[in-house]
Amino acid sequence: MNEARAIVKGHIADLKPKKNELAGRIAANLRAVKNTLAASAVTPIDQLDIEGAAVHLSEAAALKAEYLETCGKIAALERELE
């Protein structure tokens, strides 16, 4: 039984860095969108990189789906340990 618990704990330990890495990538994409929006107050519309902001927002959404999936896996594994 202890060996099975150790395996589950190992899987959790493998997933937690992935969760943190995804969170960082989401935050970076959202910062890029925020910077574009902040610049929109002083930048003419024809010079705004709206398409670039849309790409960052789309990537953040895709990463969020992967993040939530990873969180779900961690939660399921943690429930196995209870």
PDB file of N, CA and C in Angstrom:
ATOM      1  N   MET A   1       0.823  -1.199   0.000  1.00  0.00           N
ATOM      2  CA  MET A   1       0.000   0.000   0.000  1.00  0.00           C
ATOM      3  C   MET A   1       0.869   1.265   0.000  1.00  0.00           C
ATOM      4  N   ASN A   2       1.955   1.249   0.764  1.00  0.00           N
ATOM      5  CA  ASN A   2       2.829   2.424   0.825  1.00  0.00           C
ATOM      6  C   ASN A   2       3.486   2.711  -0.516  1.00  0.00           C
ATOM      7  N   GLU A   3       3.751   1.645  -1.284  1.00  0.00           N
ATOM      8  CA  GLU A   3       4.358   1.841  -2.599  1.00  0.00           C
ATOM      9  C   GLU A   3       3.382   2.554  -3.534  1.00  0.00           C
ATOM     10  N   ALA A   4       2.116   2.198  -3.458  1.00  0.00           N
ATOM     11  CA  ALA A   4       1.096   2.854  -4.287  1.00  0.00           C
ATOM     12  C   ALA A   4       0.969   4.324  -3.913  1.00  0.00           C
ATOM     13  N   ARG A   5       1.005   4.621  -2.621  1.00  0.00           N
ATOM     14  CA  ARG A   5       0.929   6.017  -2.168  1.00  0.00           C
ATOM     15  C   ARG A   5       2.133   6.812  -2.675  1.00  0.00           C
ATOM     16  N   ALA A   6       3.292   6.182  -2.651  1.00  0.00           N
ATOM     17  CA  ALA A   6       4.504   6.852  -3.127  1.00  0.00           C
ATOM     18  C   ALA A   6       4.404   7.154  -4.621  1.00  0.00           C
ATOM     19  N   ILE A   7       3.820   6.240  -5.374  1.00  0.00           N
ATOM     20  CA  ILE A   7       3.646   6.459  -6.812  1.00  0.00           C
ATOM     21  C   ILE A   7       2.699   7.623  -7.054  1.00  0.00           C
ATOM     22  N   VAL A   8       1.590   7.658  -6.311  1.00  0.00           N
ATOM     23  CA  VAL A   8       0.618   8.749  -6.458  1.00  0.00           C
ATOM     24  C   VAL A   8       1.272  10.076  -6.086  1.00  0.00           C
ATOM     25  N   LYS A   9       2.024  10.086  -4.991  1.00  0.00           N
ATOM     26  CA  LYS A   9       2.719  11.312  -4.584  1.00  0.00           C
ATOM     27  C   LYS A   9       3.725  11.749  -5.645  1.00  0.00           C
ATOM     28  N   GLY A  10       4.365  10.789  -6.293  1.00  0.00           N
ATOM     29  CA  GLY A  10       5.300  11.109  -7.368  1.00  0.00           C
ATOM     30  C   GLY A  10       4.599  11.753  -8.553  1.00  0.00           C
ATOM     31  N   HIS A  11       3.413  11.237  -8.883  1.00  0.00           N
ATOM     32  CA  HIS A  11       2.642  11.832  -9.979  1.00  0.00           C
ATOM     33  C   HIS A  11       2.238  13.267  -9.637  1.00  0.00           C
ATOM     34  N   ILE A  12       1.830  13.469  -8.394  1.00  0.00           N
ATOM     35  CA  ILE A  12       1.459  14.823  -7.955  1.00  0.00           C
ATOM     36  C   ILE A  12       2.672  15.749  -8.054  1.00  0.00           C
ATOM     37  N   ALA A  13       3.807  15.263  -7.596  1.00  0.00           N
ATOM     38  CA  ALA A  13       5.037  16.066  -7.648  1.00  0.00           C
ATOM     39  C   ALA A  13       5.424  16.404  -9.086  1.00  0.00           C
ATOM     40  N   ASP A  14       5.125  15.514 -10.019  1.00  0.00           N
ATOM     41  CA  ASP A  14       5.410  15.780 -11.434  1.00  0.00           C
ATOM     42  C   ASP A  14       4.466  16.826 -12.013  1.00  0.00           C
ATOM     43  N   LEU A  15       3.223  16.833 -11.552  1.00  0.00           N
ATOM     44  CA  LEU A  15       2.215  17.732 -12.115  1.00  0.00           C
ATOM     45  C   LEU A  15       2.287  19.156 -11.556  1.00  0.00           C
ATOM     46  N   LYS A  16       2.734  19.306 -10.324  1.00  0.00           N
ATOM     47  CA  LYS A  16       2.742  20.643  -9.712  1.00  0.00           C
ATOM     48  C   LYS A  16       3.643  21.642 -10.448  1.00  0.00           C
ATOM     49  N   PRO A  17       4.843  21.267 -10.878  1.00  0.00           N
ATOM     50  CA  PRO A  17       5.642  22.229 -11.656  1.00  0.00           C
ATOM     51  C   PRO A  17       4.970  22.605 -12.978  1.00  0.00           C
ATOM     52  N   LYS A  18       4.296  21.646 -13.593  1.00  0.00           N
ATOM     53  CA  LYS A  18       3.572  21.937 -14.837  1.00  0.00           C
ATOM     54  C   LYS A  18       2.476  22.954 -14.569  1.00  0.00           C
ATOM     55  N   LYS A  19       1.766  22.781 -13.459  1.00  0.00           N
ATOM     56  CA  LYS A  19       0.708  23.727 -13.079  1.00  0.00           C
ATOM     57  C   LYS A  19       1.292  25.125 -12.902  1.00  0.00           C
ATOM     58  N   ASN A  20       2.412  25.226 -12.200  1.00  0.00           N
ATOM     59  CA  ASN A  20       3.050  26.527 -11.968  1.00  0.00           C
ATOM     60  C   ASN A  20       3.553  27.151 -13.267  1.00  0.00           C
ATOM     61  N   GLU A  21       4.105  26.327 -14.151  1.00  0.00           N
ATOM     62  CA  GLU A  21       4.603  26.821 -15.434  1.00  0.00           C
ATOM     63  C   GLU A  21       3.450  27.350 -16.285  1.00  0.00           C
ATOM     64  N   LEU A  22       2.341  26.628 -16.294  1.00  0.00           N
ATOM     65  CA  LEU A  22       1.171  27.079 -17.055  1.00  0.00           C
ATOM     66  C   LEU A  22       0.636  28.393 -16.492  1.00  0.00           C
ATOM     67  N   ALA A  23       0.591  28.507 -15.169  1.00  0.00           N
ATOM     68  CA  ALA A  23       0.115  29.744 -14.541  1.00  0.00           C
ATOM     69  C   ALA A  23       0.996  30.923 -14.951  1.00  0.00           C
ATOM     70  N   GLY A  24       2.300  30.710 -14.995  1.00  0.00           N
ATOM     71  CA  GLY A  24       3.218  31.768 -15.416  1.00  0.00           C
ATOM     72  C   GLY A  24       3.020  32.170 -16.866  1.00  0.00           C
ATOM     73  N   ARG A  25       2.798  31.183 -17.721  1.00  0.00           N
ATOM     74  CA  ARG A  25       2.572  31.484 -19.139  1.00  0.00           C
ATOM     75  C   ARG A  25       1.247  32.215 -19.345  1.00  0.00           C
ATOM     76  N   ILE A  26       0.229  31.835 -18.585  1.00  0.00           N
ATOM     77  CA  ILE A  26      -1.058  32.537 -18.669  1.00  0.00           C
ATOM     78  C   ILE A  26      -0.865  33.986 -18.242  1.00  0.00           C
ATOM     79  N   ALA A  27      -0.187  34.192 -17.122  1.00  0.00           N
ATOM     80  CA  ALA A  27       0.043  35.547 -16.615  1.00  0.00           C
ATOM     81  C   ALA A  27       0.817  36.392 -17.624  1.00  0.00           C
ATOM     82  N   ALA A  28       1.816  35.813 -18.271  1.00  0.00           N
ATOM     83  CA  ALA A  28       2.604  36.556 -19.264  1.00  0.00           C
ATOM     84  C   ALA A  28       1.736  36.975 -20.448  1.00  0.00           C
ATOM     85  N   ASN A  29       0.885  36.083 -20.905  1.00  0.00           N
ATOM     86  CA  ASN A  29      -0.009  36.426 -22.016  1.00  0.00           C
ATOM     87  C   ASN A  29      -0.995  37.512 -21.607  1.00  0.00           C
ATOM     88  N   LEU A  30      -1.513  37.431 -20.406  1.00  0.00           N
ATOM     89  CA  LEU A  30      -2.463  38.448 -19.946  1.00  0.00           C
ATOM     90  C   LEU A  30      -1.782  39.799 -19.751  1.00  0.00           C
ATOM     91  N   ARG A  31      -0.518  39.789 -19.313  1.00  0.00           N
ATOM     92  CA  ARG A  31       0.233  41.048 -19.200  1.00  0.00           C
ATOM     93  C   ARG A  31       0.406  41.689 -20.573  1.00  0.00           C
ATOM     94  N   ALA A  32       0.670  40.880 -21.583  1.00  0.00           N
ATOM     95  CA  ALA A  32       0.825  41.409 -22.942  1.00  0.00           C
ATOM     96  C   ALA A  32      -0.470  42.057 -23.414  1.00  0.00           C
ATOM     97  N   VAL A  33      -1.597  41.426 -23.120  1.00  0.00           N
ATOM     98  CA  VAL A  33      -2.899  42.005 -23.485  1.00  0.00           C
ATOM     99  C   VAL A  33      -3.120  43.301 -22.714  1.00  0.00           C
ATOM    100  N   LYS A  34      -2.819  43.267 -21.421  1.00  0.00           N
ATOM    101  CA  LYS A  34      -3.005  44.456 -20.574  1.00  0.00           C
ATOM    102  C   LYS A  34      -2.153  45.621 -21.080  1.00  0.00           C
ATOM    103  N   ASN A  35      -0.921  45.342 -21.471  1.00  0.00           N
ATOM    104  CA  ASN A  35      -0.045  46.401 -21.983  1.00  0.00           C
ATOM    105  C   ASN A  35      -0.599  47.006 -23.264  1.00  0.00           C
ATOM    106  N   THR A  36      -1.154  46.175 -24.119  1.00  0.00           N
ATOM    107  CA  THR A  36      -1.762  46.683 -25.351  1.00  0.00           C
ATOM    108  C   THR A  36      -2.959  47.557 -25.026  1.00  0.00           C
ATOM    109  N   LEU A  37      -3.769  47.116 -24.084  1.00  0.00           N
ATOM    110  CA  LEU A  37      -4.940  47.907 -23.699  1.00  0.00           C
ATOM    111  C   LEU A  37      -4.523  49.225 -23.054  1.00  0.00           C
ATOM    112  N   ALA A  38      -3.477  49.194 -22.240  1.00  0.00           N
ATOM    113  CA  ALA A  38      -3.002  50.427 -21.610  1.00  0.00           C
ATOM    114  C   ALA A  38      -2.485  51.399 -22.667  1.00  0.00           C
ATOM    115  N   ALA A  39      -1.798  50.872 -23.660  1.00  0.00           N
ATOM    116  CA  ALA A  39      -1.269  51.722 -24.730  1.00  0.00           C
ATOM    117  C   ALA A  39      -2.386  52.311 -25.579  1.00  0.00           C
ATOM    118  N   SER A  40      -3.534  51.677 -25.579  1.00  0.00           N
ATOM    119  CA  SER A  40      -4.631  52.151 -26.430  1.00  0.00           C
ATOM    120  C   SER A  40      -5.136  53.531 -26.012  1.00  0.00           C
ATOM    121  N   ALA A  41      -4.838  53.938 -24.783  1.00  0.00           N
ATOM    122  CA  ALA A  41      -5.268  55.256 -24.314  1.00  0.00           C
ATOM    123  C   ALA A  41      -4.475  56.381 -24.980  1.00  0.00           C
ATOM    124  N   VAL A  42      -3.263  56.079 -25.422  1.00  0.00           N
ATOM    125  CA  VAL A  42      -2.405  57.121 -25.991  1.00  0.00           C
ATOM    126  C   VAL A  42      -1.921  56.816 -27.407  1.00  0.00           C
ATOM    127  N   THR A  43      -2.281  55.664 -27.930  1.00  0.00           N
ATOM    128  CA  THR A  43      -1.826  55.244 -29.257  1.00  0.00           C
ATOM    129  C   THR A  43      -2.977  55.345 -30.251  1.00  0.00           C
ATOM    130  N   PRO A  44      -2.713  55.896 -31.417  1.00  0.00           N
ATOM    131  CA  PRO A  44      -3.769  55.934 -32.437  1.00  0.00           C
ATOM    132  C   PRO A  44      -4.232  54.514 -32.791  1.00  0.00           C
ATOM    133  N   ILE A  45      -5.487  54.387 -33.097  1.00  0.00           N
ATOM    134  CA  ILE A  45      -6.077  53.081 -33.381  1.00  0.00           C
ATOM    135  C   ILE A  45      -5.335  52.347 -34.489  1.00  0.00           C
ATOM    136  N   ASP A  46      -4.936  53.066 -35.522  1.00  0.00           N
ATOM    137  CA  ASP A  46      -4.275  52.400 -36.648  1.00  0.00           C
ATOM    138  C   ASP A  46      -2.894  51.849 -36.289  1.00  0.00           C
ATOM    139  N   GLN A  47      -2.361  52.228 -35.123  1.00  0.00           N
ATOM    140  CA  GLN A  47      -1.051  51.743 -34.697  1.00  0.00           C
ATOM    141  C   GLN A  47      -1.142  50.680 -33.603  1.00  0.00           C
ATOM    142  N   LEU A  48      -2.339  50.389 -33.138  1.00  0.00           N
ATOM    143  CA  LEU A  48      -2.499  49.386 -32.086  1.00  0.00           C
ATOM    144  C   LEU A  48      -2.334  47.977 -32.651  1.00  0.00           C
ATOM    145  N   ASP A  49      -1.706  47.130 -31.893  1.00  0.00           N
ATOM    146  CA  ASP A  49      -1.540  45.725 -32.298  1.00  0.00           C
ATOM    147  C   ASP A  49      -2.683  44.897 -31.706  1.00  0.00           C
ATOM    148  N   ILE A  50      -3.871  45.158 -32.183  1.00  0.00           N
ATOM    149  CA  ILE A  50      -5.055  44.459 -31.683  1.00  0.00           C
ATOM    150  C   ILE A  50      -4.976  42.971 -32.020  1.00  0.00           C
ATOM    151  N   GLU A  51      -4.470  42.662 -33.194  1.00  0.00           N
ATOM    152  CA  GLU A  51      -4.344  41.264 -33.593  1.00  0.00           C
ATOM    153  C   GLU A  51      -3.392  40.513 -32.658  1.00  0.00           C
ATOM    154  N   GLY A  52      -2.293  41.173 -32.304  1.00  0.00           N
ATOM    155  CA  GLY A  52      -1.336  40.564 -31.376  1.00  0.00           C
ATOM    156  C   GLY A  52      -1.961  40.312 -30.018  1.00  0.00           C
ATOM    157  N   ALA A  53      -2.748  41.279 -29.551  1.00  0.00           N
ATOM    158  CA  ALA A  53      -3.438  41.105 -28.272  1.00  0.00           C
ATOM    159  C   ALA A  53      -4.415  39.942 -28.349  1.00  0.00           C
ATOM    160  N   ALA A  54      -5.094  39.814 -29.486  1.00  0.00           N
ATOM    161  CA  ALA A  54      -6.049  38.715 -29.660  1.00  0.00           C
ATOM    162  C   ALA A  54      -5.336  37.362 -29.626  1.00  0.00           C
ATOM    163  N   VAL A  55      -4.153  37.302 -30.229  1.00  0.00           N
ATOM    164  CA  VAL A  55      -3.375  36.061 -30.209  1.00  0.00           C
ATOM    165  C   VAL A  55      -2.997  35.710 -28.775  1.00  0.00           C
ATOM    166  N   HIS A  56      -2.533  36.705 -28.014  1.00  0.00           N
ATOM    167  CA  HIS A  56      -2.162  36.456 -26.616  1.00  0.00           C
ATOM    168  C   HIS A  56      -3.368  36.007 -25.798  1.00  0.00           C
ATOM    169  N   LEU A  57      -4.507  36.618 -26.029  1.00  0.00           N
ATOM    170  CA  LEU A  57      -5.711  36.247 -25.289  1.00  0.00           C
ATOM    171  C   LEU A  57      -6.156  34.834 -25.650  1.00  0.00           C
ATOM    172  N   SER A  58      -6.071  34.487 -26.912  1.00  0.00           N
ATOM    173  CA  SER A  58      -6.428  33.142 -27.356  1.00  0.00           C
ATOM    174  C   SER A  58      -5.494  32.099 -26.748  1.00  0.00           C
ATOM    175  N   GLU A  59      -4.207  32.416 -26.721  1.00  0.00           N
ATOM    176  CA  GLU A  59      -3.246  31.490 -26.122  1.00  0.00           C
ATOM    177  C   GLU A  59      -3.507  31.340 -24.629  1.00  0.00           C
ATOM    178  N   ALA A  60      -3.826  32.439 -23.957  1.00  0.00           N
ATOM    179  CA  ALA A  60      -4.135  32.370 -22.528  1.00  0.00           C
ATOM    180  C   ALA A  60      -5.345  31.475 -22.285  1.00  0.00           C
ATOM    181  N   ALA A  61      -6.342  31.560 -23.139  1.00  0.00           N
ATOM    182  CA  ALA A  61      -7.539  30.724 -22.989  1.00  0.00           C
ATOM    183  C   ALA A  61      -7.200  29.246 -23.172  1.00  0.00           C
ATOM    184  N   ALA A  62      -6.371  28.938 -24.157  1.00  0.00           N
ATOM    185  CA  ALA A  62      -5.968  27.546 -24.384  1.00  0.00           C
ATOM    186  C   ALA A  62      -5.142  27.023 -23.211  1.00  0.00           C
ATOM    187  N   LEU A  63      -4.244  27.861 -22.713  1.00  0.00           N
ATOM    188  CA  LEU A  63      -3.429  27.466 -21.566  1.00  0.00           C
ATOM    189  C   LEU A  63      -4.284  27.279 -20.322  1.00  0.00           C
ATOM    190  N   LYS A  64      -5.327  28.098 -20.179  1.00  0.00           N
ATOM    191  CA  LYS A  64      -6.219  27.959 -19.028  1.00  0.00           C
ATOM    192  C   LYS A  64      -6.891  26.592 -19.048  1.00  0.00           C
ATOM    193  N   ALA A  65      -7.308  26.142 -20.220  1.00  0.00           N
ATOM    194  CA  ALA A  65      -7.929  24.821 -20.325  1.00  0.00           C
ATOM    195  C   ALA A  65      -6.953  23.737 -19.873  1.00  0.00           C
ATOM    196  N   GLU A  66      -5.702  23.844 -20.297  1.00  0.00           N
ATOM    197  CA  GLU A  66      -4.683  22.875 -19.890  1.00  0.00           C
ATOM    198  C   GLU A  66      -4.400  22.986 -18.391  1.00  0.00           C
ATOM    199  N   TYR A  67      -4.387  24.219 -17.883  1.00  0.00           N
ATOM    200  CA  TYR A  67      -4.169  24.458 -16.450  1.00  0.00           C
ATOM    201  C   TYR A  67      -5.272  23.799 -15.624  1.00  0.00           C
ATOM    202  N   LEU A  68      -6.525  24.014 -16.030  1.00  0.00           N
ATOM    203  CA  LEU A  68      -7.648  23.433 -15.292  1.00  0.00           C
ATOM    204  C   LEU A  68      -7.621  21.909 -15.346  1.00  0.00           C
ATOM    205  N   GLU A  69      -7.228  21.362 -16.482  1.00  0.00           N
ATOM    206  CA  GLU A  69      -7.103  19.905 -16.604  1.00  0.00           C
ATOM    207  C   GLU A  69      -6.032  19.381 -15.649  1.00  0.00           C
ATOM    208  N   THR A  70      -4.915  20.084 -15.590  1.00  0.00           N
ATOM    209  CA  THR A  70      -3.826  19.688 -14.695  1.00  0.00           C
ATOM    210  C   THR A  70      -4.266  19.786 -13.237  1.00  0.00           C
ATOM    211  N   CYS A  71      -4.976  20.854 -12.891  1.00  0.00           N
ATOM    212  CA  CYS A  71      -5.490  21.003 -11.524  1.00  0.00           C
ATOM    213  C   CYS A  71      -6.447  19.868 -11.182  1.00  0.00           C
ATOM    214  N   GLY A  72      -7.273  19.481 -12.143  1.00  0.00           N
ATOM    215  CA  GLY A  72      -8.202  18.375 -11.929  1.00  0.00           C
ATOM    216  C   GLY A  72      -7.479  17.066 -11.679  1.00  0.00           C
ATOM    217  N   LYS A  73      -6.411  16.826 -12.423  1.00  0.00           N
ATOM    218  CA  LYS A  73      -5.620  15.610 -12.223  1.00  0.00           C
ATOM    219  C   LYS A  73      -4.984  15.598 -10.839  1.00  0.00           C
ATOM    220  N   ILE A  74      -4.452  16.750 -10.434  1.00  0.00           N
ATOM    221  CA  ILE A  74      -3.835  16.842  -9.108  1.00  0.00           C
ATOM    222  C   ILE A  74      -4.874  16.578  -8.028  1.00  0.00           C
ATOM    223  N   ALA A  75      -6.043  17.196  -8.159  1.00  0.00           N
ATOM    224  CA  ALA A  75      -7.105  17.013  -7.164  1.00  0.00           C
ATOM    225  C   ALA A  75      -7.535  15.549  -7.091  1.00  0.00           C
ATOM    226  N   ALA A  76      -7.658  14.895  -8.234  1.00  0.00           N
ATOM    227  CA  ALA A  76      -8.059  13.483  -8.250  1.00  0.00           C
ATOM    228  C   ALA A  76      -7.007  12.616  -7.563  1.00  0.00           C
ATOM    229  N   LEU A  77      -5.750  12.896  -7.842  1.00  0.00           N
ATOM    230  CA  LEU A  77      -4.682  12.133  -7.204  1.00  0.00           C
ATOM    231  C   LEU A  77      -4.643  12.386  -5.698  1.00  0.00           C
ATOM    232  N   GLU A  78      -4.867  13.633  -5.298  1.00  0.00           N
ATOM    233  CA  GLU A  78      -4.875  13.946  -3.865  1.00  0.00           C
ATOM    234  C   GLU A  78      -6.034  13.246  -3.159  1.00  0.00           C
ATOM    235  N   ARG A  79      -7.167  13.112  -3.852  1.00  0.00           N
ATOM    236  CA  ARG A  79      -8.301  12.382  -3.262  1.00  0.00           C
ATOM    237  C   ARG A  79      -7.957  10.905  -3.056  1.00  0.00           C
ATOM    238  N   GLU A  80      -7.147  10.357  -3.947  1.00  0.00           N
ATOM    239  CA  GLU A  80      -6.712   8.962  -3.793  1.00  0.00           C
ATOM    240  C   GLU A  80      -5.900   8.770  -2.520  1.00  0.00           C
ATOM    241  N   LEU A  81      -5.225   9.809  -2.091  1.00  0.00           N
ATOM    242  CA  LEU A  81      -4.380   9.708  -0.899  1.00  0.00           C
ATOM    243  C   LEU A  81      -5.172   9.803   0.398  1.00  0.00           C
ATOM    244  N   GLU A  82      -6.406  10.257   0.309  1.00  0.00           N
ATOM    245  CA  GLU A  82      -7.207  10.434   1.535  1.00  0.00           C
ATOM    246  C   GLU A  82      -7.658   9.105   2.097  1.00  0.00           C
TER     247      GLU A  82
END
